[in-house]
Protein backbone atom coordinates (compact mmCIF):
# COMPACT_ATOMS: atom_id res chain seq x y z
CA MET A 1 15.44 -9.95 35.02
CA ILE A 2 18.68 -8.01 34.72
CA LEU A 3 20.87 -8.94 31.76
CA PRO A 4 24.63 -9.44 32.09
CA LYS A 5 26.49 -6.19 31.35
CA ARG A 6 27.61 -7.14 27.81
CA ARG A 7 24.17 -8.39 26.72
CA ARG A 8 22.49 -5.35 28.31
CA HIS A 9 24.85 -3.02 26.42
CA THR A 10 23.92 -4.78 23.16
CA ALA A 11 20.20 -4.61 23.97
CA VAL A 12 20.46 -0.87 24.71
CA HIS A 13 22.13 -0.30 21.34
CA GLU A 14 19.55 -2.41 19.52
CA VAL A 15 16.69 -0.45 21.10
CA LEU A 16 18.40 2.85 20.22
CA GLY A 17 18.76 1.54 16.67
CA ALA A 18 15.05 0.69 16.58
CA PHE A 19 14.14 4.24 17.65
CA ARG A 20 16.46 5.59 14.94
CA VAL A 21 14.71 3.46 12.31
CA ILE A 22 11.31 4.74 13.50
CA PHE A 23 12.37 8.42 13.59
CA GLY A 24 14.22 8.10 10.28
CA SER A 25 11.20 6.50 8.63
CA VAL A 26 8.90 9.25 9.88
CA ARG A 27 11.29 11.95 8.64
CA LYS A 28 11.68 10.19 5.28
CA GLN A 29 7.92 10.11 4.73
CA PHE A 30 7.57 13.77 5.76
CA ALA A 31 10.23 14.72 3.18
CA TRP A 32 8.50 12.55 0.56
CA LEU A 33 5.14 14.22 1.24
CA GLU A 34 6.69 17.68 1.15
CA SER A 35 8.33 17.04 -2.22
CA ALA A 36 5.29 15.29 -3.74
CA CYS A 37 2.59 17.65 -2.45
CA GLY A 38 4.27 20.83 -1.25
CA VAL A 39 2.74 20.50 2.22
CA GLY A 40 3.78 18.74 5.40
CA GLY A 41 2.66 15.47 6.92
CA ALA A 42 0.47 17.04 9.61
CA GLN A 43 -1.35 19.05 6.94
CA ILE A 44 -1.98 15.96 4.80
CA TRP A 45 -3.27 14.03 7.82
CA ALA A 46 -5.56 16.93 8.76
CA LEU A 47 -6.93 17.06 5.20
CA ALA A 48 -7.51 13.29 5.27
CA VAL A 49 -9.47 13.56 8.54
CA MET A 50 -11.50 16.45 7.12
CA ALA A 51 -12.26 14.39 4.00
CA LYS A 52 -13.53 11.48 6.12
CA GLN A 53 -15.55 13.73 8.44
CA PRO A 54 -16.86 16.69 6.41
CA GLY A 55 -18.08 19.51 8.63
CA LEU A 56 -16.06 18.61 11.69
CA ARG A 57 -14.95 21.35 14.10
CA VAL A 58 -11.42 22.32 15.12
CA GLY A 59 -11.76 20.52 18.47
CA ASP A 60 -12.77 17.33 16.67
CA LEU A 61 -9.78 17.65 14.37
CA ALA A 62 -7.45 18.18 17.34
CA GLU A 63 -8.78 15.03 18.97
CA ALA A 64 -8.45 12.99 15.76
CA LEU A 65 -4.83 14.11 15.30
CA SER A 66 -4.03 13.84 19.03
CA ILE A 67 -2.77 17.43 19.16
CA HIS A 68 -3.63 20.49 21.24
CA GLN A 69 -6.62 22.52 20.04
CA SER A 70 -4.54 25.68 19.51
CA THR A 71 -2.12 23.65 17.36
CA ALA A 72 -5.05 22.35 15.31
CA SER A 73 -6.38 25.88 14.93
CA ASN A 74 -3.01 27.08 13.60
CA LEU A 75 -2.90 24.10 11.25
CA VAL A 76 -6.38 24.92 9.92
CA ASP A 77 -5.40 28.57 9.42
CA ARG A 78 -2.45 27.42 7.29
CA LEU A 79 -4.66 25.08 5.23
CA ILE A 80 -7.13 27.90 4.60
CA ARG A 81 -4.38 30.35 3.59
CA GLN A 82 -3.10 27.72 1.13
CA GLY A 83 -6.58 27.31 -0.33
CA LEU A 84 -6.81 23.65 0.73
CA ALA A 85 -9.68 24.01 3.22
CA LYS A 86 -12.45 26.40 4.16
CA ARG A 87 -14.55 27.31 7.16
CA ARG A 88 -18.33 27.23 7.09
CA ARG A 89 -20.41 28.92 9.80
CA ASP A 90 -23.33 27.04 11.29
CA GLY A 91 -26.61 28.61 10.14
CA GLY A 92 -28.20 28.28 13.59
CA ASP A 93 -25.21 29.40 15.65
CA GLN A 94 -22.67 31.68 13.97
CA ARG A 95 -20.10 30.85 16.67
CA VAL A 96 -19.90 27.25 15.45
CA VAL A 97 -17.44 26.77 12.60
CA HIS A 98 -17.32 23.64 10.47
CA LEU A 99 -14.33 22.66 8.35
CA GLU A 100 -14.36 21.26 4.85
CA LEU A 101 -11.94 20.64 2.03
CA SER A 102 -11.74 22.96 -0.93
CA ALA A 103 -11.58 21.51 -4.46
CA ARG A 104 -7.82 22.09 -4.35
CA GLY A 105 -7.57 20.20 -1.05
CA LYS A 106 -9.50 17.24 -2.48
CA SER A 107 -7.23 17.20 -5.53
CA LEU A 108 -4.10 17.26 -3.39
CA LEU A 109 -5.35 14.35 -1.27
CA LYS A 110 -5.97 12.23 -4.36
CA ARG A 111 -2.32 12.45 -5.41
CA ALA A 112 -0.74 12.36 -1.94
CA PRO A 113 1.40 9.31 -1.15
CA ARG A 114 -0.14 6.85 1.28
CA PRO A 115 -0.54 6.36 4.20
CA LEU A 116 -2.13 9.78 4.61
CA GLN A 117 -1.93 9.77 8.41
CA GLY A 118 1.82 9.03 8.34
CA VAL A 119 3.84 5.87 8.65
CA LEU A 120 3.95 5.77 12.46
CA PRO A 121 0.22 6.31 13.16
CA ASP A 122 -0.53 3.84 10.35
CA ALA A 123 1.77 1.19 11.84
CA LEU A 124 0.34 1.74 15.34
CA GLU A 125 -3.24 1.42 14.01
CA ARG A 126 -2.36 -1.93 12.41
CA LEU A 127 -0.78 -3.46 15.53
CA PRO A 128 -2.78 -6.13 17.36
CA ALA A 129 -4.52 -4.73 20.46
CA GLY A 130 -2.34 -6.72 22.87
CA THR A 131 0.87 -5.55 21.23
CA LEU A 132 -0.33 -1.94 21.35
CA ARG A 133 -1.20 -2.26 25.06
CA ARG A 134 2.24 -3.73 25.86
CA LEU A 135 3.99 -1.07 23.81
CA LYS A 136 2.04 1.67 25.62
CA ALA A 137 2.97 0.20 29.00
CA ASP A 138 6.64 -0.28 28.09
CA LEU A 139 6.94 3.23 26.64
CA GLY A 140 5.34 4.56 29.82
CA VAL A 141 8.09 2.87 31.84
CA LEU A 142 10.71 4.39 29.54
CA ILE A 143 9.18 7.88 29.75
CA ARG A 144 9.00 7.72 33.55
CA SER A 145 12.71 6.86 33.65
CA LEU A 146 13.76 9.85 31.53
CA ARG A 147 15.72 12.37 33.58
CA VAL A 148 14.48 15.21 31.37
CA LYS A 149 11.08 15.07 29.70
CA ASP A 150 8.70 17.35 27.85
CA GLU A 151 5.22 15.98 28.47
CA ARG A 152 3.69 18.79 26.37
CA ALA A 153 5.33 17.20 23.33
CA ALA A 154 2.66 14.48 23.53
CA TYR A 155 0.29 16.89 21.78
CA THR A 156 2.73 18.27 19.21
CA PRO A 157 2.74 17.00 15.61
CA LEU A 158 5.76 14.79 14.95
CA ALA A 159 6.87 17.12 12.15
CA ASP A 160 7.19 19.95 14.69
CA LEU A 161 9.44 18.05 17.11
């Protein structure tokens, strides 16, 4: 159904406004995390995943955060340099590296503002399954209609966009 021109114009502006609220909310929480903890949202989320799954590998972390493995590896390197996480080699196979939180990382997570995974992933997780399916389909239609798109951005942390 095509809306009359005036109503369509209003609907376009309302949808743009909704995207602005979403992006603004994400940015606001990132700034809040940065000021409260001194680290970014992606780092907090990575620490939270590592706390829930001690000993996971970089590939597992990348999958949990829905980011590229090289991005996850860089994120882990930063966490280790900051003393928030550490690598542990597998006794049986020295090539296998497991990740775990340091005492400092655990302490930081305890005081970090919630939700640890960020406001957008948290909201998406809490949506009913049917709503999430419709949103995915509708966003797919929107993405396909973009004249310029960066599909690689799908695996980039929101804070890096």
